[in-house]
Amino acid sequence: MNDKIIKNWIALADYDLDTAGAMLKTGRYLYVAFCCQQAIEKLLKAIYVKQTDQTPPYIHSLMRLVEAANIKESLDGMQHKFLEDLNSYYIENRYTEELASLAAKVSVERTEIIYNQTKEFAGWLKDQLK
């Protein structure tokens, strides 16, 4: 049963990453970052299910999910910094001025970096699921 749940989390993460790529092509940079955050969140939840055989917690903090999935010690410093940065792009009922502030931080160049780092880190997380 858990294999099916894990595969579902992976499929959802892949969908989010594909959506991030589509948003990058259309210039919706804030949503690229948001979809990247969502993809990594879902892969961390897949790892949590694999590690604990339980439903993942209903949280969105990437750092808390890393701790819950017990993989914090496996991360290098750059991965840790990447997750902290990516975590800031989670959007939950943000006010207009907060969205504008976030959007101002995601230039084309910054968004491409976020997208490429997410693809690389997603691959690393998928390796942890093997």
N, C-alpha and C. Protein backbone atom coordinates (compact mmCIF):
# COMPACT_ATOMS: atom_id res chain seq x y z
N MET A 1 0.82 -1.20 0.00
CA MET A 1 0.00 0.00 0.00
C MET A 1 0.86 1.26 0.00
N ASN A 2 1.93 1.27 0.81
CA ASN A 2 2.76 2.47 0.88
C ASN A 2 3.48 2.75 -0.43
N ASP A 3 3.81 1.70 -1.20
CA ASP A 3 4.44 1.93 -2.51
C ASP A 3 3.53 2.76 -3.39
N LYS A 4 2.24 2.48 -3.34
CA LYS A 4 1.28 3.24 -4.13
C LYS A 4 1.22 4.69 -3.66
N ILE A 5 1.23 4.91 -2.37
CA ILE A 5 1.19 6.26 -1.80
C ILE A 5 2.47 7.01 -2.18
N ILE A 6 3.61 6.35 -2.08
CA ILE A 6 4.89 6.98 -2.43
C ILE A 6 4.90 7.35 -3.91
N LYS A 7 4.45 6.44 -4.76
CA LYS A 7 4.40 6.73 -6.20
C LYS A 7 3.47 7.90 -6.49
N ASN A 8 2.38 8.01 -5.74
CA ASN A 8 1.47 9.13 -5.92
C ASN A 8 2.14 10.45 -5.55
N TRP A 9 2.87 10.49 -4.43
CA TRP A 9 3.59 11.70 -4.04
C TRP A 9 4.60 12.08 -5.11
N ILE A 10 5.30 11.09 -5.65
CA ILE A 10 6.29 11.35 -6.70
C ILE A 10 5.61 11.91 -7.95
N ALA A 11 4.49 11.31 -8.34
CA ALA A 11 3.75 11.79 -9.52
C ALA A 11 3.29 13.23 -9.33
N LEU A 12 2.80 13.56 -8.14
CA LEU A 12 2.37 14.92 -7.85
C LEU A 12 3.56 15.89 -7.91
N ALA A 13 4.70 15.46 -7.39
CA ALA A 13 5.90 16.29 -7.44
C ALA A 13 6.35 16.51 -8.88
N ASP A 14 6.31 15.46 -9.68
CA ASP A 14 6.69 15.58 -11.10
C ASP A 14 5.76 16.56 -11.81
N TYR A 15 4.48 16.49 -11.50
CA TYR A 15 3.50 17.40 -12.10
C TYR A 15 3.83 18.85 -11.73
N ASP A 16 4.14 19.07 -10.45
CA ASP A 16 4.49 20.43 -10.00
C ASP A 16 5.75 20.93 -10.70
N LEU A 17 6.74 20.05 -10.86
CA LEU A 17 7.97 20.46 -11.52
C LEU A 17 7.73 20.75 -13.01
N ASP A 18 6.89 19.95 -13.64
CA ASP A 18 6.51 20.23 -15.04
C ASP A 18 5.78 21.57 -15.14
N THR A 19 4.91 21.84 -14.17
CA THR A 19 4.19 23.10 -14.14
C THR A 19 5.16 24.26 -13.95
N ALA A 20 6.15 24.08 -13.10
CA ALA A 20 7.17 25.12 -12.91
C ALA A 20 7.86 25.42 -14.24
N GLY A 21 8.19 24.38 -14.99
CA GLY A 21 8.81 24.58 -16.30
C GLY A 21 7.91 25.36 -17.25
N ALA A 22 6.62 25.05 -17.24
CA ALA A 22 5.66 25.76 -18.09
C ALA A 22 5.54 27.22 -17.65
N MET A 23 5.52 27.45 -16.36
CA MET A 23 5.43 28.82 -15.84
C MET A 23 6.70 29.61 -16.18
N LEU A 24 7.84 28.96 -16.18
CA LEU A 24 9.09 29.62 -16.55
C LEU A 24 9.01 30.12 -17.99
N LYS A 25 8.47 29.29 -18.87
CA LYS A 25 8.34 29.67 -20.29
C LYS A 25 7.40 30.85 -20.49
N THR A 26 6.42 31.00 -19.61
CA THR A 26 5.44 32.08 -19.77
C THR A 26 5.75 33.31 -18.91
N GLY A 27 6.85 33.26 -18.17
CA GLY A 27 7.25 34.43 -17.39
C GLY A 27 6.52 34.61 -16.08
N ARG A 28 5.90 33.56 -15.56
CA ARG A 28 5.20 33.64 -14.27
C ARG A 28 6.16 33.18 -13.17
N TYR A 29 7.16 34.02 -12.91
CA TYR A 29 8.32 33.62 -12.10
C TYR A 29 8.00 33.29 -10.65
N LEU A 30 7.11 34.03 -10.04
CA LEU A 30 6.75 33.71 -8.65
C LEU A 30 6.15 32.31 -8.58
N TYR A 31 5.36 31.95 -9.56
CA TYR A 31 4.73 30.63 -9.54
C TYR A 31 5.70 29.51 -9.91
N VAL A 32 6.76 29.84 -10.60
CA VAL A 32 7.83 28.86 -10.81
C VAL A 32 8.39 28.48 -9.44
N ALA A 33 8.74 29.49 -8.66
CA ALA A 33 9.31 29.24 -7.33
C ALA A 33 8.32 28.49 -6.44
N PHE A 34 7.06 28.89 -6.49
CA PHE A 34 6.04 28.21 -5.68
C PHE A 34 5.91 26.74 -6.08
N CYS A 35 5.84 26.47 -7.37
CA CYS A 35 5.71 25.08 -7.83
C CYS A 35 6.95 24.26 -7.50
N CYS A 36 8.10 24.90 -7.53
CA CYS A 36 9.33 24.21 -7.13
C CYS A 36 9.26 23.83 -5.65
N GLN A 37 8.79 24.77 -4.83
CA GLN A 37 8.64 24.48 -3.40
C GLN A 37 7.68 23.32 -3.20
N GLN A 38 6.59 23.33 -3.95
CA GLN A 38 5.59 22.27 -3.83
C GLN A 38 6.15 20.91 -4.25
N ALA A 39 6.94 20.89 -5.31
CA ALA A 39 7.54 19.64 -5.78
C ALA A 39 8.45 19.03 -4.71
N ILE A 40 9.28 19.86 -4.12
CA ILE A 40 10.20 19.35 -3.09
C ILE A 40 9.42 18.93 -1.85
N GLU A 41 8.40 19.69 -1.48
CA GLU A 41 7.56 19.31 -0.34
C GLU A 41 6.98 17.91 -0.55
N LYS A 42 6.48 17.64 -1.72
CA LYS A 42 5.84 16.35 -2.00
C LYS A 42 6.85 15.21 -2.02
N LEU A 43 8.05 15.47 -2.51
CA LEU A 43 9.08 14.42 -2.47
C LEU A 43 9.52 14.15 -1.03
N LEU A 44 9.61 15.20 -0.23
CA LEU A 44 9.93 14.99 1.19
C LEU A 44 8.84 14.19 1.89
N LYS A 45 7.60 14.42 1.51
CA LYS A 45 6.51 13.64 2.09
C LYS A 45 6.57 12.18 1.64
N ALA A 46 7.01 11.95 0.42
CA ALA A 46 7.20 10.57 -0.05
C ALA A 46 8.28 9.88 0.78
N ILE A 47 9.35 10.59 1.05
CA ILE A 47 10.42 10.03 1.88
C ILE A 47 9.92 9.77 3.29
N TYR A 48 9.12 10.69 3.81
CA TYR A 48 8.55 10.50 5.15
C TYR A 48 7.74 9.20 5.20
N VAL A 49 6.90 8.98 4.19
CA VAL A 49 6.09 7.76 4.15
C VAL A 49 7.00 6.53 4.10
N LYS A 50 8.05 6.59 3.29
CA LYS A 50 8.97 5.46 3.19
C LYS A 50 9.67 5.20 4.52
N GLN A 51 10.10 6.27 5.19
CA GLN A 51 10.85 6.13 6.44
C GLN A 51 9.98 5.70 7.62
N THR A 52 8.75 6.18 7.67
CA THR A 52 7.94 5.99 8.88
C THR A 52 6.74 5.07 8.70
N ASP A 53 6.36 4.81 7.44
CA ASP A 53 5.18 4.00 7.16
C ASP A 53 3.91 4.67 7.72
N GLN A 54 3.93 6.02 7.74
CA GLN A 54 2.80 6.79 8.25
C GLN A 54 2.44 7.91 7.28
N THR A 55 1.25 8.46 7.47
CA THR A 55 0.83 9.63 6.70
C THR A 55 1.72 10.81 7.09
N PRO A 56 2.20 11.57 6.10
CA PRO A 56 3.06 12.70 6.45
C PRO A 56 2.29 13.79 7.19
N PRO A 57 3.01 14.57 7.97
CA PRO A 57 2.34 15.65 8.71
C PRO A 57 1.79 16.70 7.75
N TYR A 58 0.72 17.34 8.17
CA TYR A 58 0.08 18.39 7.37
C TYR A 58 0.81 19.72 7.60
N ILE A 59 2.06 19.75 7.13
CA ILE A 59 2.88 20.96 7.25
C ILE A 59 3.49 21.25 5.88
N HIS A 60 3.96 22.48 5.73
CA HIS A 60 4.55 22.89 4.46
C HIS A 60 6.00 23.32 4.60
N SER A 61 6.49 23.38 5.82
CA SER A 61 7.87 23.78 6.07
C SER A 61 8.82 22.68 5.59
N LEU A 62 9.64 23.02 4.63
CA LEU A 62 10.58 22.03 4.10
C LEU A 62 11.57 21.58 5.17
N MET A 63 12.01 22.50 6.00
CA MET A 63 12.97 22.13 7.04
C MET A 63 12.34 21.20 8.08
N ARG A 64 11.11 21.44 8.43
CA ARG A 64 10.44 20.54 9.38
C ARG A 64 10.20 19.17 8.75
N LEU A 65 9.91 19.14 7.46
CA LEU A 65 9.72 17.86 6.77
C LEU A 65 11.04 17.08 6.68
N VAL A 66 12.14 17.79 6.46
CA VAL A 66 13.46 17.14 6.44
C VAL A 66 13.73 16.48 7.79
N GLU A 67 13.42 17.19 8.85
CA GLU A 67 13.62 16.63 10.19
C GLU A 67 12.68 15.46 10.44
N ALA A 68 11.42 15.61 10.07
CA ALA A 68 10.44 14.54 10.29
C ALA A 68 10.80 13.28 9.50
N ALA A 69 11.36 13.48 8.29
CA ALA A 69 11.75 12.34 7.45
C ALA A 69 13.11 11.78 7.84
N ASN A 70 13.74 12.42 8.81
CA ASN A 70 15.01 11.96 9.35
C ASN A 70 16.12 11.92 8.29
N ILE A 71 16.19 12.97 7.46
CA ILE A 71 17.26 13.02 6.46
C ILE A 71 18.12 14.28 6.61
N LYS A 72 17.93 15.01 7.68
CA LYS A 72 18.68 16.26 7.89
C LYS A 72 20.18 16.03 7.83
N GLU A 73 20.64 14.96 8.44
CA GLU A 73 22.07 14.66 8.49
C GLU A 73 22.62 14.28 7.12
N SER A 74 21.76 13.90 6.20
CA SER A 74 22.19 13.52 4.85
C SER A 74 22.41 14.72 3.94
N LEU A 75 21.90 15.88 4.34
CA LEU A 75 22.00 17.08 3.51
C LEU A 75 23.35 17.75 3.69
N ASP A 76 23.91 18.23 2.59
CA ASP A 76 25.12 19.04 2.72
C ASP A 76 24.70 20.49 2.94
N GLY A 77 25.66 21.35 3.18
CA GLY A 77 25.38 22.75 3.48
C GLY A 77 24.64 23.48 2.37
N MET A 78 25.00 23.19 1.12
CA MET A 78 24.34 23.87 0.00
C MET A 78 22.89 23.41 -0.13
N GLN A 79 22.64 22.13 0.10
CA GLN A 79 21.26 21.63 0.04
C GLN A 79 20.42 22.27 1.15
N HIS A 80 21.00 22.37 2.31
CA HIS A 80 20.31 22.98 3.45
C HIS A 80 19.95 24.43 3.14
N LYS A 81 20.91 25.18 2.61
CA LYS A 81 20.66 26.58 2.27
C LYS A 81 19.60 26.69 1.17
N PHE A 82 19.66 25.81 0.18
CA PHE A 82 18.68 25.80 -0.89
C PHE A 82 17.27 25.61 -0.33
N LEU A 83 17.11 24.65 0.58
CA LEU A 83 15.79 24.39 1.17
C LEU A 83 15.29 25.58 1.96
N GLU A 84 16.16 26.21 2.71
CA GLU A 84 15.75 27.39 3.47
C GLU A 84 15.26 28.49 2.54
N ASP A 85 15.96 28.69 1.44
CA ASP A 85 15.57 29.71 0.47
C ASP A 85 14.26 29.33 -0.21
N LEU A 86 14.17 28.10 -0.68
CA LEU A 86 12.98 27.64 -1.39
C LEU A 86 11.74 27.69 -0.50
N ASN A 87 11.94 27.43 0.77
CA ASN A 87 10.83 27.43 1.72
C ASN A 87 10.11 28.78 1.76
N SER A 88 10.83 29.84 1.48
CA SER A 88 10.23 31.19 1.55
C SER A 88 9.23 31.43 0.43
N TYR A 89 9.18 30.56 -0.57
CA TYR A 89 8.27 30.77 -1.70
C TYR A 89 6.94 30.03 -1.54
N TYR A 90 6.73 29.41 -0.40
CA TYR A 90 5.42 28.81 -0.16
C TYR A 90 4.40 29.93 -0.03
N ILE A 91 3.31 29.81 -0.76
CA ILE A 91 2.28 30.86 -0.76
C ILE A 91 1.01 30.32 -0.11
N GLU A 92 0.65 30.92 1.00
CA GLU A 92 -0.59 30.52 1.68
C GLU A 92 -1.31 31.79 2.12
N ASN A 93 -2.38 32.09 1.44
CA ASN A 93 -3.19 33.25 1.80
C ASN A 93 -2.36 34.50 2.06
N ARG A 94 -1.44 34.78 1.17
CA ARG A 94 -0.60 35.96 1.33
C ARG A 94 -1.37 37.20 0.91
N TYR A 95 -1.03 38.30 1.54
CA TYR A 95 -1.63 39.58 1.17
C TYR A 95 -0.95 40.11 -0.09
N THR A 96 -1.63 40.99 -0.79
CA THR A 96 -1.14 41.52 -2.05
C THR A 96 0.27 42.09 -1.92
N GLU A 97 0.51 42.87 -0.84
CA GLU A 97 1.84 43.47 -0.69
C GLU A 97 2.91 42.40 -0.44
N GLU A 98 2.57 41.30 0.23
CA GLU A 98 3.53 40.22 0.43
C GLU A 98 3.85 39.53 -0.89
N LEU A 99 2.82 39.32 -1.71
CA LEU A 99 3.03 38.70 -3.01
C LEU A 99 3.90 39.60 -3.89
N ALA A 100 3.64 40.89 -3.84
CA ALA A 100 4.43 41.83 -4.63
C ALA A 100 5.89 41.81 -4.18
N SER A 101 6.10 41.74 -2.88
CA SER A 101 7.45 41.69 -2.34
C SER A 101 8.17 40.41 -2.77
N LEU A 102 7.48 39.29 -2.68
CA LEU A 102 8.06 38.03 -3.13
C LEU A 102 8.34 38.05 -4.62
N ALA A 103 7.39 38.54 -5.39
CA ALA A 103 7.54 38.57 -6.84
C ALA A 103 8.74 39.43 -7.25
N ALA A 104 9.00 40.49 -6.50
CA ALA A 104 10.13 41.37 -6.82
C ALA A 104 11.47 40.66 -6.64
N LYS A 105 11.49 39.61 -5.85
CA LYS A 105 12.73 38.88 -5.57
C LYS A 105 13.05 37.83 -6.63
N VAL A 106 12.13 37.55 -7.52
CA VAL A 106 12.33 36.46 -8.48
C VAL A 106 12.50 36.99 -9.90
N SER A 107 13.72 37.37 -10.20
CA SER A 107 14.07 37.79 -11.55
C SER A 107 14.13 36.55 -12.46
N VAL A 108 14.27 36.78 -13.73
CA VAL A 108 14.41 35.68 -14.68
C VAL A 108 15.61 34.81 -14.28
N GLU A 109 16.73 35.45 -14.01
CA GLU A 109 17.95 34.72 -13.67
C GLU A 109 17.77 33.92 -12.37
N ARG A 110 17.20 34.56 -11.37
CA ARG A 110 16.99 33.90 -10.07
C ARG A 110 16.04 32.72 -10.23
N THR A 111 15.01 32.91 -11.03
CA THR A 111 14.03 31.85 -11.24
C THR A 111 14.64 30.65 -11.95
N GLU A 112 15.47 30.91 -12.94
CA GLU A 112 16.15 29.81 -13.64
C GLU A 112 17.04 29.02 -12.69
N ILE A 113 17.72 29.73 -11.79
CA ILE A 113 18.56 29.06 -10.79
C ILE A 113 17.70 28.19 -9.88
N ILE A 114 16.61 28.75 -9.38
CA ILE A 114 15.70 28.00 -8.50
C ILE A 114 15.20 26.75 -9.20
N TYR A 115 14.76 26.91 -10.44
CA TYR A 115 14.22 25.78 -11.21
C TYR A 115 15.28 24.70 -11.42
N ASN A 116 16.47 25.09 -11.82
CA ASN A 116 17.54 24.10 -12.06
C ASN A 116 17.99 23.42 -10.77
N GLN A 117 18.09 24.19 -9.69
CA GLN A 117 18.46 23.59 -8.40
C GLN A 117 17.38 22.63 -7.93
N THR A 118 16.13 22.99 -8.17
CA THR A 118 15.03 22.11 -7.77
C THR A 118 15.09 20.80 -8.54
N LYS A 119 15.33 20.86 -9.83
CA LYS A 119 15.43 19.63 -10.63
C LYS A 119 16.56 18.75 -10.11
N GLU A 120 17.68 19.37 -9.79
CA GLU A 120 18.83 18.61 -9.28
C GLU A 120 18.51 17.99 -7.91
N PHE A 121 17.94 18.80 -7.03
CA PHE A 121 17.63 18.30 -5.69
C PHE A 121 16.52 17.25 -5.73
N ALA A 122 15.55 17.43 -6.63
CA ALA A 122 14.49 16.43 -6.80
C ALA A 122 15.09 15.09 -7.21
N GLY A 123 16.07 15.12 -8.09
CA GLY A 123 16.76 13.89 -8.48
C GLY A 123 17.44 13.23 -7.30
N TRP A 124 18.08 14.04 -6.45
CA TRP A 124 18.74 13.51 -5.26
C TRP A 124 17.71 12.87 -4.32
N LEU A 125 16.58 13.56 -4.12
CA LEU A 125 15.54 13.00 -3.26
C LEU A 125 15.00 11.70 -3.82
N LYS A 126 14.80 11.64 -5.13
CA LYS A 126 14.30 10.40 -5.74
C LYS A 126 15.30 9.27 -5.56
N ASP A 127 16.59 9.58 -5.58
CA ASP A 127 17.60 8.55 -5.29
C ASP A 127 17.45 8.01 -3.88
N GLN A 128 17.03 8.87 -2.95
CA GLN A 128 16.83 8.44 -1.56
C GLN A 128 15.64 7.50 -1.44
N LEU A 129 14.77 7.56 -2.41
CA LEU A 129 13.55 6.71 -2.40
C LEU A 129 13.80 5.34 -3.00
N LYS A 130 14.94 5.12 -3.60
CA LYS A 130 15.23 3.82 -4.24
C LYS A 130 15.62 2.78 -3.21
